[in-house]
Amino acid sequence: MKVVMRARVSREDLEEARRIRREMADWEFIEKQEPRIKEALKYYIETGDLYVASRIAGISVEEFNEIRIKARIPNVG
């Protein structure tokens, strides 16, 4: 029998993670990106969803993660 445990994340935790991503992001860098990348970075800041953000950007998760790091957006949440 396989037991799956899921962590519960509170609304407050999600809001705190979003706040941290917003505050630490390099907005000047983000605004200079091409439209798809810019929108994907903003989506990531709001949701923390790396996979969907990479699909919005039209690039691999690994490539998007490299851009996220350049944009100084922490991986929290």
N, C-alpha and C. Protein backbone atom coordinates (compact mmCIF):
# COMPACT_ATOMS: atom_id res chain seq x y z
N MET A 1 0.84 -1.18 0.00
CA MET A 1 0.00 0.00 0.00
C MET A 1 0.88 1.24 0.00
N LYS A 2 0.61 2.13 -0.94
CA LYS A 2 1.38 3.36 -1.06
C LYS A 2 0.65 4.48 -0.34
N VAL A 3 1.37 5.15 0.53
CA VAL A 3 0.79 6.26 1.28
C VAL A 3 1.33 7.56 0.69
N VAL A 4 0.40 8.44 0.34
CA VAL A 4 0.78 9.75 -0.20
C VAL A 4 0.45 10.79 0.85
N MET A 5 1.46 11.54 1.21
CA MET A 5 1.25 12.62 2.18
C MET A 5 1.34 13.95 1.45
N ARG A 6 0.42 14.80 1.72
CA ARG A 6 0.42 16.12 1.10
C ARG A 6 0.50 17.19 2.18
N ALA A 7 1.39 18.13 1.95
CA ALA A 7 1.52 19.24 2.90
C ALA A 7 0.42 20.26 2.62
N ARG A 8 -0.13 20.78 3.65
CA ARG A 8 -1.14 21.83 3.48
C ARG A 8 -0.42 23.18 3.56
N VAL A 9 -0.72 24.00 2.60
CA VAL A 9 -0.12 25.33 2.55
C VAL A 9 -1.24 26.33 2.77
N SER A 10 -1.07 27.17 3.74
CA SER A 10 -2.11 28.14 4.07
C SER A 10 -2.12 29.29 3.08
N ARG A 11 -3.23 29.96 3.03
CA ARG A 11 -3.36 31.15 2.19
C ARG A 11 -2.32 32.20 2.59
N GLU A 12 -2.07 32.30 3.89
CA GLU A 12 -1.08 33.26 4.38
C GLU A 12 0.32 32.91 3.86
N ASP A 13 0.65 31.61 3.83
CA ASP A 13 1.95 31.19 3.31
C ASP A 13 2.09 31.53 1.83
N LEU A 14 1.02 31.32 1.07
CA LEU A 14 1.05 31.64 -0.36
C LEU A 14 1.22 33.14 -0.58
N GLU A 15 0.52 33.93 0.21
CA GLU A 15 0.63 35.39 0.10
C GLU A 15 2.03 35.87 0.48
N GLU A 16 2.59 35.26 1.51
CA GLU A 16 3.94 35.63 1.94
C GLU A 16 4.96 35.30 0.85
N ALA A 17 4.83 34.14 0.23
CA ALA A 17 5.74 33.75 -0.85
C ALA A 17 5.61 34.72 -2.02
N ARG A 18 4.38 35.09 -2.37
CA ARG A 18 4.13 36.05 -3.45
C ARG A 18 4.77 37.39 -3.12
N ARG A 19 4.59 37.84 -1.89
CA ARG A 19 5.16 39.12 -1.46
C ARG A 19 6.68 39.11 -1.58
N ILE A 20 7.29 38.03 -1.14
CA ILE A 20 8.75 37.91 -1.22
C ILE A 20 9.21 37.94 -2.66
N ARG A 21 8.53 37.19 -3.54
CA ARG A 21 8.92 37.19 -4.96
C ARG A 21 8.79 38.59 -5.55
N ARG A 22 7.69 39.30 -5.24
CA ARG A 22 7.48 40.66 -5.77
C ARG A 22 8.58 41.61 -5.30
N GLU A 23 8.87 41.57 -4.01
CA GLU A 23 9.82 42.51 -3.43
C GLU A 23 11.26 42.27 -3.89
N MET A 24 11.63 41.02 -4.09
CA MET A 24 13.02 40.72 -4.42
C MET A 24 13.30 40.74 -5.93
N ALA A 25 12.25 40.73 -6.73
CA ALA A 25 12.41 40.69 -8.19
C ALA A 25 13.11 41.95 -8.71
N ASP A 26 13.91 41.77 -9.74
CA ASP A 26 14.57 42.88 -10.43
C ASP A 26 13.63 43.36 -11.52
N TRP A 27 12.78 44.31 -11.16
CA TRP A 27 11.73 44.77 -12.07
C TRP A 27 12.30 45.47 -13.30
N GLU A 28 13.43 46.12 -13.17
CA GLU A 28 14.06 46.75 -14.33
C GLU A 28 14.45 45.68 -15.36
N PHE A 29 15.05 44.60 -14.89
CA PHE A 29 15.40 43.48 -15.77
C PHE A 29 14.14 42.89 -16.41
N ILE A 30 13.11 42.66 -15.61
CA ILE A 30 11.88 42.05 -16.11
C ILE A 30 11.25 42.90 -17.20
N GLU A 31 11.17 44.20 -16.99
CA GLU A 31 10.52 45.09 -17.97
C GLU A 31 11.28 45.17 -19.29
N LYS A 32 12.55 44.82 -19.30
CA LYS A 32 13.36 44.86 -20.52
C LYS A 32 13.23 43.60 -21.36
N GLN A 33 12.55 42.58 -20.84
CA GLN A 33 12.44 41.31 -21.55
C GLN A 33 11.40 41.39 -22.67
N GLU A 34 11.53 40.47 -23.63
CA GLU A 34 10.52 40.39 -24.70
C GLU A 34 9.17 40.04 -24.05
N PRO A 35 8.06 40.38 -24.72
CA PRO A 35 6.74 40.25 -24.10
C PRO A 35 6.43 38.88 -23.49
N ARG A 36 6.71 37.78 -24.18
CA ARG A 36 6.37 36.46 -23.64
C ARG A 36 7.16 36.16 -22.37
N ILE A 37 8.43 36.51 -22.36
CA ILE A 37 9.27 36.28 -21.18
C ILE A 37 8.80 37.16 -20.03
N LYS A 38 8.53 38.41 -20.33
CA LYS A 38 8.07 39.36 -19.31
C LYS A 38 6.78 38.86 -18.65
N GLU A 39 5.82 38.45 -19.46
CA GLU A 39 4.55 37.97 -18.92
C GLU A 39 4.74 36.68 -18.13
N ALA A 40 5.63 35.82 -18.60
CA ALA A 40 5.90 34.57 -17.89
C ALA A 40 6.55 34.85 -16.53
N LEU A 41 7.46 35.79 -16.48
CA LEU A 41 8.09 36.15 -15.20
C LEU A 41 7.05 36.73 -14.24
N LYS A 42 6.17 37.56 -14.73
CA LYS A 42 5.12 38.13 -13.89
C LYS A 42 4.18 37.04 -13.40
N TYR A 43 3.85 36.10 -14.28
CA TYR A 43 3.00 34.97 -13.89
C TYR A 43 3.69 34.17 -12.78
N TYR A 44 4.98 33.91 -12.95
CA TYR A 44 5.71 33.16 -11.94
C TYR A 44 5.71 33.90 -10.60
N ILE A 45 5.91 35.18 -10.63
CA ILE A 45 5.91 35.98 -9.40
C ILE A 45 4.58 35.81 -8.67
N GLU A 46 3.48 35.84 -9.41
CA GLU A 46 2.16 35.75 -8.80
C GLU A 46 1.79 34.34 -8.35
N THR A 47 2.27 33.32 -9.05
CA THR A 47 1.82 31.95 -8.76
C THR A 47 2.89 31.03 -8.21
N GLY A 48 4.15 31.26 -8.57
CA GLY A 48 5.22 30.35 -8.19
C GLY A 48 5.25 29.09 -9.02
N ASP A 49 4.48 29.06 -10.12
CA ASP A 49 4.39 27.87 -10.97
C ASP A 49 5.42 27.94 -12.10
N LEU A 50 6.54 27.28 -11.89
CA LEU A 50 7.65 27.30 -12.84
C LEU A 50 7.26 26.65 -14.17
N TYR A 51 6.53 25.55 -14.10
CA TYR A 51 6.17 24.80 -15.31
C TYR A 51 5.27 25.65 -16.23
N VAL A 52 4.19 26.18 -15.69
CA VAL A 52 3.27 26.97 -16.52
C VAL A 52 3.97 28.24 -17.02
N ALA A 53 4.76 28.86 -16.19
CA ALA A 53 5.50 30.06 -16.61
C ALA A 53 6.41 29.74 -17.79
N SER A 54 7.07 28.59 -17.76
CA SER A 54 7.94 28.22 -18.88
C SER A 54 7.14 27.98 -20.14
N ARG A 55 5.93 27.44 -20.00
CA ARG A 55 5.07 27.23 -21.18
C ARG A 55 4.64 28.58 -21.76
N ILE A 56 4.31 29.53 -20.90
CA ILE A 56 3.94 30.88 -21.36
C ILE A 56 5.09 31.49 -22.13
N ALA A 57 6.29 31.31 -21.62
CA ALA A 57 7.49 31.88 -22.25
C ALA A 57 7.87 31.14 -23.53
N GLY A 58 7.39 29.90 -23.66
CA GLY A 58 7.72 29.10 -24.84
C GLY A 58 9.12 28.51 -24.79
N ILE A 59 9.61 28.28 -23.58
CA ILE A 59 10.96 27.72 -23.41
C ILE A 59 10.90 26.59 -22.38
N SER A 60 11.99 25.86 -22.24
CA SER A 60 12.03 24.76 -21.27
C SER A 60 12.03 25.30 -19.84
N VAL A 61 11.68 24.43 -18.93
CA VAL A 61 11.70 24.80 -17.51
C VAL A 61 13.11 25.22 -17.11
N GLU A 62 14.11 24.49 -17.58
CA GLU A 62 15.50 24.82 -17.24
C GLU A 62 15.89 26.20 -17.75
N GLU A 63 15.51 26.50 -18.99
CA GLU A 63 15.82 27.82 -19.56
C GLU A 63 15.09 28.93 -18.78
N PHE A 64 13.81 28.69 -18.46
CA PHE A 64 13.06 29.68 -17.71
C PHE A 64 13.67 29.89 -16.34
N ASN A 65 14.08 28.81 -15.71
CA ASN A 65 14.68 28.92 -14.38
C ASN A 65 15.94 29.77 -14.41
N GLU A 66 16.74 29.66 -15.46
CA GLU A 66 17.94 30.50 -15.60
C GLU A 66 17.56 31.97 -15.69
N ILE A 67 16.49 32.27 -16.45
CA ILE A 67 16.03 33.66 -16.56
C ILE A 67 15.47 34.14 -15.23
N ARG A 68 14.74 33.26 -14.51
CA ARG A 68 14.21 33.61 -13.18
C ARG A 68 15.35 34.02 -12.26
N ILE A 69 16.44 33.28 -12.31
CA ILE A 69 17.60 33.59 -11.45
C ILE A 69 18.19 34.95 -11.84
N LYS A 70 18.31 35.23 -13.14
CA LYS A 70 18.82 36.52 -13.59
C LYS A 70 17.91 37.66 -13.16
N ALA A 71 16.60 37.36 -13.08
CA ALA A 71 15.63 38.37 -12.67
C ALA A 71 15.57 38.51 -11.14
N ARG A 72 16.40 37.74 -10.45
CA ARG A 72 16.49 37.77 -8.98
C ARG A 72 15.16 37.44 -8.29
N ILE A 73 14.40 36.56 -8.92
CA ILE A 73 13.14 36.12 -8.31
C ILE A 73 13.42 34.86 -7.52
N PRO A 74 13.24 34.90 -6.21
CA PRO A 74 13.54 33.71 -5.41
C PRO A 74 12.53 32.59 -5.66
N ASN A 75 12.98 31.37 -5.48
CA ASN A 75 12.11 30.21 -5.61
C ASN A 75 11.58 29.88 -4.22
N VAL A 76 10.52 30.56 -3.84
CA VAL A 76 9.89 30.34 -2.53
C VAL A 76 8.44 29.93 -2.74
N GLY A 77 7.90 29.26 -1.76
CA GLY A 77 6.49 28.92 -1.84
C GLY A 77 6.21 27.55 -1.73
